Amino acid sequence: MAVVPVLSILSVFSISRAFQTHSESLLQATETQGFMVRWLLFSAVLNLLLDWLFIPTYGAIGAAIANGIAQSVAVAGVWAKGTSSLRVTLPTRFLKSVTLAAAVMAAVVLPIGAMLPVVPGLLLSVPTGVFVFGVMLRLLKILEIEDLVRFRQLSRRLPLRLRPTIDALIRLLVPPTIEQRLEAAGAS
């Protein structure tokens, strides 16, 4: 299973891509696509340079690291330009909380994957990671009213037999105070 480390590295680095869509939309809306094109070209050149440096020594793992670094630089630059152009303040509390939740999840899951053979490790690590991340979402009170509304909308699209289970999971993730605020707003 030589592909597992490569996929793990790519998965971790792909997290930054979650921030790209909105920042690209901001740059397009403010007609600053020129910066975006130049920055993404810079990132592509950075990717090639890092590939040239890492692949001869580290092979596919080096390619994954090079690609991940270049993509993270691309996202960070587009995000920074988008936030500075519109003077948007970063949701630092949210970002710190999600980072802490992810770090706790990784601290629990990585030893499981390291101690077990690949397939059992994967089969145990994934649900454990989901559970730990969910607990951290709840403990750190990361989720907001908007998240509860989205969860409920998604739940309504599921088959009827799945809805009670999903609704119970949503109640576990979302603190009661969020639900109470939503009820008070009359938006449920």
Foldseek 3Di string as FASTA:
>chain_A
DVCVLLVVLLVVLCVLVVQQPVLCVLCVVVVNVVVLVVLLVVLVVQLVVQCVVQCVPPNSNSNSNSNSVSVNSSSVVSNVVSCVVVVNDDPVLLVVLLVVLQVVLCVVLVVLCVVDPNPVSVVVSVVSSVVSSLQSLQVSVNDALVVLVVLVVVLVVDPPVCNVVSVVSSPSRHDVVRVVVCVVVVPD
